[in-house]
N, C-alpha and C. Protein backbone atom coordinates (compact mmCIF):
# COMPACT_ATOMS: atom_id res chain seq x y z
N MET A 1 -16.44 13.90 12.59
CA MET A 1 -16.06 13.67 11.21
C MET A 1 -14.91 12.61 11.22
N PRO A 2 -15.13 11.49 10.57
CA PRO A 2 -14.05 10.44 10.58
C PRO A 2 -12.85 10.84 9.79
N ASP A 3 -11.66 10.37 10.13
CA ASP A 3 -10.47 10.63 9.48
C ASP A 3 -10.31 9.59 8.40
N ASP A 4 -10.42 10.00 7.11
CA ASP A 4 -10.36 9.11 5.96
C ASP A 4 -8.96 8.98 5.39
N SER A 5 -7.97 9.55 6.08
CA SER A 5 -6.65 9.47 5.54
C SER A 5 -5.99 8.12 5.81
N LEU A 6 -4.98 7.80 5.05
CA LEU A 6 -4.23 6.56 5.20
C LEU A 6 -2.93 6.91 5.91
N HIS A 7 -2.52 5.94 6.72
CA HIS A 7 -1.29 6.11 7.53
C HIS A 7 -0.46 4.84 7.37
N TRP A 8 0.84 4.91 7.68
CA TRP A 8 1.71 3.72 7.50
C TRP A 8 1.18 2.47 8.12
N LEU A 9 0.45 2.58 9.17
CA LEU A 9 -0.05 1.42 9.86
C LEU A 9 -1.30 0.78 9.22
N ASP A 10 -1.85 1.43 8.25
CA ASP A 10 -2.98 0.91 7.49
C ASP A 10 -2.55 -0.01 6.37
N VAL A 11 -1.76 -0.94 6.71
CA VAL A 11 -1.06 -1.74 5.67
C VAL A 11 -2.06 -2.53 4.75
N ASP A 12 -3.18 -2.96 5.33
CA ASP A 12 -4.15 -3.74 4.48
C ASP A 12 -4.86 -2.78 3.52
N LEU A 13 -5.27 -1.58 3.98
CA LEU A 13 -5.93 -0.62 3.16
C LEU A 13 -4.98 -0.05 2.09
N ILE A 14 -3.78 0.16 2.44
CA ILE A 14 -2.77 0.61 1.45
C ILE A 14 -2.55 -0.39 0.41
N GLY A 15 -2.42 -1.70 0.80
CA GLY A 15 -2.26 -2.73 -0.21
C GLY A 15 -3.40 -2.82 -1.18
N GLU A 16 -4.63 -2.67 -0.65
CA GLU A 16 -5.82 -2.70 -1.57
C GLU A 16 -5.81 -1.51 -2.49
N GLU A 17 -5.49 -0.34 -1.97
CA GLU A 17 -5.40 0.86 -2.81
C GLU A 17 -4.34 0.74 -3.90
N LEU A 18 -3.20 0.20 -3.50
CA LEU A 18 -2.16 0.00 -4.57
C LEU A 18 -2.64 -0.95 -5.63
N ALA A 19 -3.31 -2.00 -5.28
CA ALA A 19 -3.83 -2.96 -6.23
C ALA A 19 -4.83 -2.27 -7.12
N ARG A 20 -5.64 -1.41 -6.61
CA ARG A 20 -6.70 -0.73 -7.38
C ARG A 20 -6.12 0.31 -8.30
N ILE A 21 -5.17 1.13 -7.77
CA ILE A 21 -4.72 2.30 -8.53
C ILE A 21 -3.56 1.88 -9.56
N HIS A 22 -2.81 0.84 -9.12
CA HIS A 22 -1.68 0.39 -9.98
C HIS A 22 -1.77 -1.07 -10.40
N PRO A 23 -2.90 -1.41 -11.19
CA PRO A 23 -3.14 -2.77 -11.48
C PRO A 23 -2.03 -3.47 -12.36
N THR A 24 -1.28 -2.64 -13.11
CA THR A 24 -0.25 -3.20 -13.98
C THR A 24 1.14 -3.26 -13.29
N VAL A 25 1.28 -2.76 -12.17
CA VAL A 25 2.52 -2.77 -11.46
C VAL A 25 2.67 -4.06 -10.67
N ASP A 26 3.78 -4.78 -10.83
CA ASP A 26 4.00 -6.04 -10.18
C ASP A 26 4.61 -5.77 -8.81
N PRO A 27 3.90 -6.02 -7.71
CA PRO A 27 4.45 -5.82 -6.38
C PRO A 27 5.75 -6.61 -6.12
N LEU A 28 5.88 -7.73 -6.75
CA LEU A 28 7.09 -8.58 -6.50
C LEU A 28 8.36 -7.96 -7.17
N ARG A 29 8.14 -7.07 -8.09
CA ARG A 29 9.20 -6.40 -8.81
C ARG A 29 9.40 -4.96 -8.34
N THR A 30 8.70 -4.60 -7.30
CA THR A 30 8.74 -3.25 -6.80
C THR A 30 9.63 -3.21 -5.56
N GLY A 31 10.75 -2.43 -5.64
CA GLY A 31 11.67 -2.28 -4.52
C GLY A 31 11.07 -1.40 -3.46
N PHE A 32 11.72 -1.40 -2.28
CA PHE A 32 11.09 -0.67 -1.13
C PHE A 32 11.16 0.85 -1.39
N VAL A 33 12.17 1.36 -2.13
CA VAL A 33 12.21 2.79 -2.36
C VAL A 33 11.04 3.21 -3.30
N GLN A 34 10.80 2.35 -4.29
CA GLN A 34 9.70 2.71 -5.19
C GLN A 34 8.35 2.47 -4.48
N LEU A 35 8.26 1.43 -3.66
CA LEU A 35 6.99 1.17 -2.95
C LEU A 35 6.69 2.30 -1.97
N LYS A 36 7.67 2.87 -1.29
CA LYS A 36 7.45 3.99 -0.40
C LYS A 36 6.94 5.17 -1.15
N ALA A 37 7.55 5.42 -2.38
CA ALA A 37 7.09 6.51 -3.23
C ALA A 37 5.62 6.36 -3.67
N LEU A 38 5.32 5.13 -4.02
CA LEU A 38 3.90 4.79 -4.48
C LEU A 38 2.90 5.08 -3.32
N VAL A 39 3.29 4.64 -2.12
CA VAL A 39 2.41 4.78 -0.94
C VAL A 39 2.26 6.28 -0.60
N THR A 40 3.31 6.98 -0.56
CA THR A 40 3.21 8.47 -0.21
C THR A 40 2.52 9.23 -1.28
N SER A 41 2.38 8.75 -2.46
CA SER A 41 1.65 9.47 -3.47
C SER A 41 0.11 9.07 -3.57
N LEU A 42 -0.25 8.09 -2.74
CA LEU A 42 -1.69 7.71 -2.70
C LEU A 42 -2.55 8.87 -2.23
N PRO A 43 -3.77 9.04 -2.88
CA PRO A 43 -4.65 10.03 -2.39
C PRO A 43 -5.04 9.80 -0.95
N GLY A 44 -4.96 10.77 -0.12
CA GLY A 44 -5.38 10.66 1.29
C GLY A 44 -4.23 10.18 2.17
N PHE A 45 -3.08 9.79 1.65
CA PHE A 45 -2.02 9.30 2.52
C PHE A 45 -1.38 10.47 3.33
N ARG A 46 -1.20 10.20 4.58
CA ARG A 46 -0.53 11.24 5.42
C ARG A 46 0.30 10.57 6.53
N GLU A 47 1.53 10.99 6.55
CA GLU A 47 2.48 10.43 7.61
C GLU A 47 2.06 11.05 8.97
N GLU A 48 2.11 10.22 9.94
CA GLU A 48 1.79 10.70 11.32
C GLU A 48 3.04 10.75 12.10
N PRO A 49 3.22 11.80 12.95
CA PRO A 49 4.42 11.82 13.80
C PRO A 49 4.45 10.60 14.73
N GLY A 50 5.54 10.01 14.88
CA GLY A 50 5.71 8.87 15.75
C GLY A 50 5.41 7.57 15.14
N HIS A 51 5.07 7.59 13.77
CA HIS A 51 4.80 6.38 13.08
C HIS A 51 5.63 6.34 11.81
N PRO A 52 6.96 6.22 11.89
CA PRO A 52 7.80 6.18 10.72
C PRO A 52 7.67 4.85 9.99
N VAL A 53 8.02 4.81 8.81
CA VAL A 53 7.99 3.65 7.98
C VAL A 53 9.30 2.85 8.24
N ASN A 54 9.18 1.51 8.15
CA ASN A 54 10.39 0.67 8.22
C ASN A 54 10.18 -0.51 7.29
N GLU A 55 11.19 -1.38 7.20
CA GLU A 55 11.16 -2.47 6.25
C GLU A 55 10.02 -3.39 6.54
N ARG A 56 9.71 -3.65 7.80
CA ARG A 56 8.66 -4.60 8.14
C ARG A 56 7.29 -4.08 7.65
N ILE A 57 7.06 -2.78 7.83
CA ILE A 57 5.78 -2.19 7.33
C ILE A 57 5.75 -2.28 5.86
N LEU A 58 6.76 -2.00 5.14
CA LEU A 58 6.78 -2.10 3.69
C LEU A 58 6.54 -3.56 3.23
N GLU A 59 7.12 -4.49 3.94
CA GLU A 59 6.85 -5.93 3.62
C GLU A 59 5.41 -6.27 3.80
N GLU A 60 4.75 -5.81 4.86
CA GLU A 60 3.30 -6.08 5.09
C GLU A 60 2.51 -5.41 4.00
N ILE A 61 2.84 -4.21 3.59
CA ILE A 61 2.08 -3.54 2.52
C ILE A 61 2.16 -4.32 1.20
N GLN A 62 3.40 -4.78 0.98
CA GLN A 62 3.65 -5.59 -0.20
C GLN A 62 2.85 -6.86 -0.19
N ARG A 63 2.74 -7.52 1.00
CA ARG A 63 2.01 -8.71 1.10
C ARG A 63 0.51 -8.52 0.87
N TYR A 64 -0.04 -7.45 1.45
CA TYR A 64 -1.42 -7.13 1.24
C TYR A 64 -1.73 -6.76 -0.16
N TRP A 65 -0.78 -6.06 -0.82
CA TRP A 65 -0.93 -5.68 -2.26
C TRP A 65 -1.00 -6.94 -3.12
N ILE A 66 -0.16 -7.90 -2.82
CA ILE A 66 -0.09 -9.12 -3.63
C ILE A 66 -1.49 -9.92 -3.39
N GLU A 67 -1.95 -9.95 -2.17
CA GLU A 67 -3.23 -10.63 -1.86
C GLU A 67 -4.33 -9.92 -2.56
N ALA A 68 -4.40 -8.62 -2.54
CA ALA A 68 -5.49 -7.83 -3.19
C ALA A 68 -5.44 -8.04 -4.70
N ARG A 69 -4.25 -8.05 -5.23
CA ARG A 69 -4.06 -8.22 -6.69
C ARG A 69 -4.56 -9.59 -7.10
N GLU A 70 -4.23 -10.61 -6.36
CA GLU A 70 -4.65 -11.97 -6.67
C GLU A 70 -6.21 -12.10 -6.48
N ALA A 71 -6.76 -11.46 -5.49
CA ALA A 71 -8.19 -11.52 -5.28
C ALA A 71 -8.94 -10.88 -6.41
N SER A 72 -8.43 -9.75 -6.90
CA SER A 72 -9.10 -9.05 -8.00
C SER A 72 -9.02 -9.87 -9.30
N ARG A 73 -7.96 -10.61 -9.48
CA ARG A 73 -7.84 -11.44 -10.69
C ARG A 73 -8.77 -12.59 -10.59
N GLY A 74 -9.09 -13.09 -9.39
CA GLY A 74 -10.01 -14.19 -9.23
C GLY A 74 -11.47 -13.81 -9.51
N ARG A 75 -11.73 -12.51 -9.46
CA ARG A 75 -13.11 -12.00 -9.78
C ARG A 75 -13.29 -11.78 -11.26
N ASP A 76 -12.20 -11.70 -12.03
CA ASP A 76 -12.35 -11.49 -13.51
C ASP A 76 -12.82 -12.68 -14.26
């Protein structure tokens, strides 16, 4: 049975999910504290021991969120 949960290192998938679930939230105006809260509230998100979050991971999530948001706007 595959593990369908999201973890901190799934930055691309997390960014896509944030764009899908929070289409009206501007990732450029979302601070890291709020971003962390949004990620941990995603369905299926689970923190793994030994994989703590840091600023670099949050920056990557934010980057993928921006890319996914822009891509979805291009399809409209």
